[in-house]
Protein backbone atom coordinates (compact mmCIF):
# COMPACT_ATOMS: atom_id res chain seq x y z
CA UNK A 1 20.33 -29.51 -33.74
CA UNK A 2 19.68 -31.00 -30.09
CA UNK A 3 21.80 -28.62 -27.46
CA UNK A 4 23.37 -32.16 -26.05
CA UNK A 5 24.73 -32.65 -29.12
CA UNK A 6 26.79 -29.73 -29.23
CA UNK A 7 30.49 -29.04 -27.97
CA UNK A 8 30.11 -29.52 -24.07
CA UNK A 9 32.07 -25.60 -24.30
CA UNK A 10 28.86 -24.50 -26.25
CA UNK A 11 26.38 -26.10 -23.63
CA UNK A 12 24.58 -23.35 -21.65
CA UNK A 13 24.48 -25.66 -18.39
CA UNK A 14 27.98 -26.78 -18.80
CA UNK A 15 28.91 -23.30 -19.30
CA UNK A 16 27.50 -21.83 -16.50
CA UNK A 17 29.13 -24.75 -14.26
CA UNK A 18 32.51 -23.74 -15.92
CA UNK A 19 32.20 -19.92 -15.92
CA UNK A 20 29.59 -18.94 -13.93
CA UNK A 21 25.95 -17.46 -14.59
CA UNK A 22 27.33 -13.51 -15.49
CA UNK A 23 29.20 -15.38 -18.32
CA UNK A 24 25.92 -16.77 -20.07
CA UNK A 25 23.80 -14.59 -22.58
CA UNK A 26 20.08 -14.01 -21.69
CA UNK A 27 18.98 -16.34 -24.09
CA UNK A 28 21.43 -19.10 -22.59
CA UNK A 29 19.78 -18.51 -19.07
CA UNK A 30 16.66 -18.64 -20.32
CA UNK A 31 17.52 -22.19 -22.18
CA UNK A 32 18.80 -23.36 -19.01
CA UNK A 33 15.32 -22.40 -17.25
CA UNK A 34 13.10 -23.69 -20.11
CA UNK A 35 15.08 -26.78 -20.20
CA UNK A 36 13.68 -28.41 -23.70
CA UNK A 37 13.22 -26.93 -27.09
CA UNK A 38 9.98 -27.98 -29.34
CA UNK A 39 10.19 -29.47 -32.70
CA UNK A 40 13.21 -28.02 -34.64
CA UNK A 41 14.46 -25.74 -32.16
CA UNK A 42 16.46 -26.19 -29.81
CA UNK A 43 15.99 -24.54 -25.88
CA UNK A 44 18.61 -21.86 -27.14
CA UNK A 45 16.67 -20.50 -30.38
CA UNK A 46 13.06 -21.07 -28.56
CA UNK A 47 14.85 -18.61 -25.68
CA UNK A 48 16.05 -16.11 -28.56
CA UNK A 49 12.53 -16.06 -29.94
CA UNK A 50 10.42 -15.65 -26.92
CA UNK A 51 12.73 -12.83 -25.76
CA UNK A 52 12.43 -11.16 -29.57
CA UNK A 53 8.42 -11.90 -29.12
CA UNK A 54 8.09 -10.22 -25.30
CA UNK A 55 10.79 -7.70 -25.87
CA UNK A 56 13.54 -8.70 -23.65
CA UNK A 57 13.91 -10.14 -20.34
CA UNK A 58 12.48 -7.54 -18.36
CA UNK A 59 9.28 -7.89 -20.55
CA UNK A 60 9.44 -11.43 -20.41
CA UNK A 61 9.65 -12.12 -16.28
CA UNK A 62 7.08 -9.45 -16.26
CA UNK A 63 4.54 -10.79 -18.32
CA UNK A 64 0.88 -11.46 -16.96
CA UNK A 65 0.07 -15.05 -16.69
CA UNK A 66 -2.14 -14.78 -20.07
CA UNK A 67 0.37 -13.71 -22.18
CA UNK A 68 3.55 -15.10 -20.57
CA UNK A 69 1.54 -18.58 -21.36
CA UNK A 70 0.77 -17.68 -25.41
CA UNK A 71 4.56 -18.07 -25.70
CA UNK A 72 5.46 -21.02 -27.63
CA UNK A 73 7.15 -24.00 -25.03
CA UNK A 74 5.97 -21.66 -21.91
CA UNK A 75 2.72 -22.78 -20.06
CA UNK A 76 1.54 -22.73 -16.30
CA UNK A 77 3.95 -24.82 -15.00
CA UNK A 78 6.66 -22.50 -16.12
CA UNK A 79 4.78 -19.37 -15.44
CA UNK A 80 4.53 -20.80 -11.37
CA UNK A 81 8.26 -21.81 -11.76
CA UNK A 82 9.54 -18.25 -12.65
CA UNK A 83 7.84 -16.82 -10.32
CA UNK A 84 8.68 -18.59 -7.63
CA UNK A 85 12.52 -18.01 -8.62
CA UNK A 86 11.62 -14.16 -8.80
CA UNK A 87 10.27 -14.48 -5.02
CA UNK A 88 13.14 -16.17 -3.80
CA UNK A 89 15.37 -13.42 -5.72
CA UNK A 90 13.50 -11.43 -3.65
CA UNK A 91 13.59 -12.76 -0.49
CA UNK A 92 17.02 -13.29 -0.85
CA UNK A 93 17.73 -9.64 -1.08
CA UNK A 94 15.41 -9.02 1.69
CA UNK A 95 17.28 -11.07 4.22
CA UNK A 96 20.38 -9.14 3.09
CA UNK A 97 19.02 -6.39 4.69
CA UNK A 98 17.20 -8.03 7.70
CA UNK A 99 20.65 -9.49 9.11
CA UNK A 100 21.18 -6.76 11.45
CA UNK A 101 23.93 -4.47 9.79
CA UNK A 102 22.79 -1.17 8.98
CA UNK A 103 22.39 0.93 5.65
CA UNK A 104 25.34 2.14 4.74
CA UNK A 105 24.50 3.86 1.42
CA UNK A 106 21.63 3.87 -1.05
CA UNK A 107 22.72 0.95 -3.10
CA UNK A 108 22.61 -0.60 -0.04
CA UNK A 109 19.19 -0.69 -0.47
CA UNK A 110 18.83 0.08 -3.85
CA UNK A 111 19.27 -3.63 -5.43
CA UNK A 112 16.26 -4.96 -2.96
CA UNK A 113 14.06 -1.74 -3.89
CA UNK A 114 14.57 -2.24 -7.56
CA UNK A 115 13.31 -5.90 -7.40
CA UNK A 116 10.34 -5.03 -5.20
CA UNK A 117 9.32 -2.07 -7.54
CA UNK A 118 10.93 -2.05 -11.50
CA UNK A 119 8.74 -4.82 -12.80
CA UNK A 120 5.52 -3.11 -11.66
CA UNK A 121 3.00 -1.47 -14.46
CA UNK A 122 1.28 1.29 -11.81
CA UNK A 123 3.30 3.58 -9.69
CA UNK A 124 4.10 2.19 -6.23
CA UNK A 125 5.27 4.47 -3.50
CA UNK A 126 7.19 2.48 -1.02
CA UNK A 127 8.79 2.99 2.66
CA UNK A 128 11.70 1.10 4.47
CA UNK A 129 10.99 1.87 7.89
CA UNK A 130 14.75 1.87 10.04
CA UNK A 131 15.77 1.79 13.83
CA UNK A 132 17.80 4.40 15.52
CA UNK A 133 21.50 2.46 14.11
CA UNK A 134 19.55 2.63 10.17
CA UNK A 135 18.88 -1.29 10.45
CA UNK A 136 15.44 -2.31 8.79
CA UNK A 137 12.50 -2.72 10.72
CA UNK A 138 9.82 -3.60 7.75
CA UNK A 139 9.48 -3.11 4.00
CA UNK A 140 5.78 -1.68 2.96
CA UNK A 141 4.02 -0.39 0.08
CA UNK A 142 1.74 2.18 1.05
CA UNK A 143 0.34 3.82 -2.08
CA UNK A 144 -0.76 2.62 -5.50
CA UNK A 145 -1.50 4.54 -8.64
CA UNK A 146 -1.79 4.94 -12.36
CA UNK A 147 0.77 4.00 -14.85
CA UNK A 148 2.15 7.61 -14.10
CA UNK A 149 1.28 8.91 -10.39
CA UNK A 150 0.31 8.01 -7.40
CA UNK A 151 -1.10 9.90 -4.68
CA UNK A 152 0.61 10.28 -1.51
CA UNK A 153 -0.75 11.14 2.09
CA UNK A 154 1.79 12.59 4.46
CA UNK A 155 -0.96 11.32 7.40
CA UNK A 156 -0.72 8.14 6.61
CA UNK A 157 3.49 7.80 6.42
CA UNK A 158 3.79 9.39 9.69
CA UNK A 159 0.63 6.88 11.06
CA UNK A 160 2.42 3.94 9.66
CA UNK A 161 6.20 5.47 10.85
CA UNK A 162 4.72 5.69 14.61
CA UNK A 163 3.35 2.37 14.34
CA UNK A 164 7.01 0.64 13.45
CA UNK A 165 8.66 3.23 16.16
CA UNK A 166 10.73 3.72 13.41
CA UNK A 167 13.75 6.45 13.98
CA UNK A 168 14.29 7.30 9.77
CA UNK A 169 12.78 6.18 6.65
CA UNK A 170 14.10 5.70 3.05
CA UNK A 171 11.00 6.31 0.20
CA UNK A 172 11.40 4.54 -3.23
CA UNK A 173 9.05 4.60 -5.86
CA UNK A 174 8.63 3.31 -9.77
CA UNK A 175 8.63 5.21 -13.00
CA UNK A 176 7.27 2.43 -15.14
CA UNK A 177 8.08 4.09 -18.05
CA UNK A 178 11.73 3.24 -16.98
CA UNK A 179 12.74 6.42 -17.10
CA UNK A 180 14.37 7.06 -13.35
CA UNK A 181 14.62 10.72 -13.52
CA UNK A 182 13.20 12.64 -10.56
CA UNK A 183 10.32 15.10 -11.25
CA UNK A 184 10.23 18.41 -9.54
CA UNK A 185 6.91 16.61 -7.77
CA UNK A 186 9.21 13.73 -6.92
CA UNK A 187 11.48 16.58 -4.85
CA UNK A 188 8.30 18.06 -3.73
CA UNK A 189 7.04 15.44 -2.20
CA UNK A 190 10.16 14.22 -0.55
CA UNK A 191 10.36 17.89 1.34
CA UNK A 192 7.08 17.80 2.49
CA UNK A 193 6.87 14.08 4.04
CA UNK A 194 10.15 15.17 5.74
CA UNK A 195 8.99 18.28 7.11
CA UNK A 196 5.87 16.01 8.38
CA UNK A 197 7.80 13.34 9.88
CA UNK A 198 10.39 16.11 11.56
CA UNK A 199 7.60 17.01 13.67
CA UNK A 200 8.02 13.43 15.25
CA UNK A 201 11.68 13.33 14.98
CA UNK A 202 11.74 10.73 12.59
CA UNK A 203 14.42 11.60 9.60
CA UNK A 204 14.15 11.00 5.77
CA UNK A 205 17.54 9.29 4.89
CA UNK A 206 16.33 9.06 1.25
CA UNK A 207 14.23 9.15 -1.66
CA UNK A 208 14.74 6.10 -4.31
CA UNK A 209 13.85 6.69 -7.75
CA UNK A 210 13.30 2.55 -9.52
CA UNK A 211 13.44 2.53 -13.49
CA UNK A 212 15.43 0.88 -15.99
CA UNK A 213 19.41 0.50 -14.12
CA UNK A 214 20.57 1.70 -10.84
CA UNK A 215 17.68 3.41 -8.60
CA UNK A 216 18.60 7.11 -8.39
CA UNK A 217 19.06 8.61 -5.45
CA UNK A 218 17.48 11.66 -4.59
CA UNK A 219 19.76 12.20 -1.61
CA UNK A 220 22.61 11.86 -3.92
CA UNK A 221 21.42 14.57 -6.46
CA UNK A 222 21.89 17.07 -4.01
CA UNK A 223 18.60 16.18 -1.93
CA UNK A 224 15.51 18.26 -1.42
């Protein structure tokens, strides 16, 4: 049965307008994006199959173009639309950080850093450069590695911080495995970078580890 023949309260679009997006399942949200199904399948049925095939929402959204387009009902146009939506979400979070309000907690930066780093298939080390009032000057991805490690150079971190005239920084890196538990190496690296930056009067406010769920704050875990 086509979605247009469903009771109005069960149609994803009408349900979203009446109850809000949070009330919809993953399949219902994806069905709104797909707009139409294929022969013998509604958009919701197709969405359920795609989520099962890719292993979930994150895997579908993070798929490479070739793999994404192999899904039934998908193609380059849908891939382009989806990437545009994801980038809009990142920019929305970025602007929320850049409105001139000081960062007051790890959570204030965590959502943006999660959006930037979570879906990378390799480890990325990034930095938020902040002014004296802890307002964001710039976000930069500084080092890139393999699936489980990235080599970080303190000299380059100090150079970039000085180039932005930063007074403080927040570090972040992702664990592509999805497990956001900080390692001993993460703690030792943070201590090393904090010591190097202290020589030029730049404070390290936190180091966030990004995985599935909420980013983990080293500062909230007792620091380094």
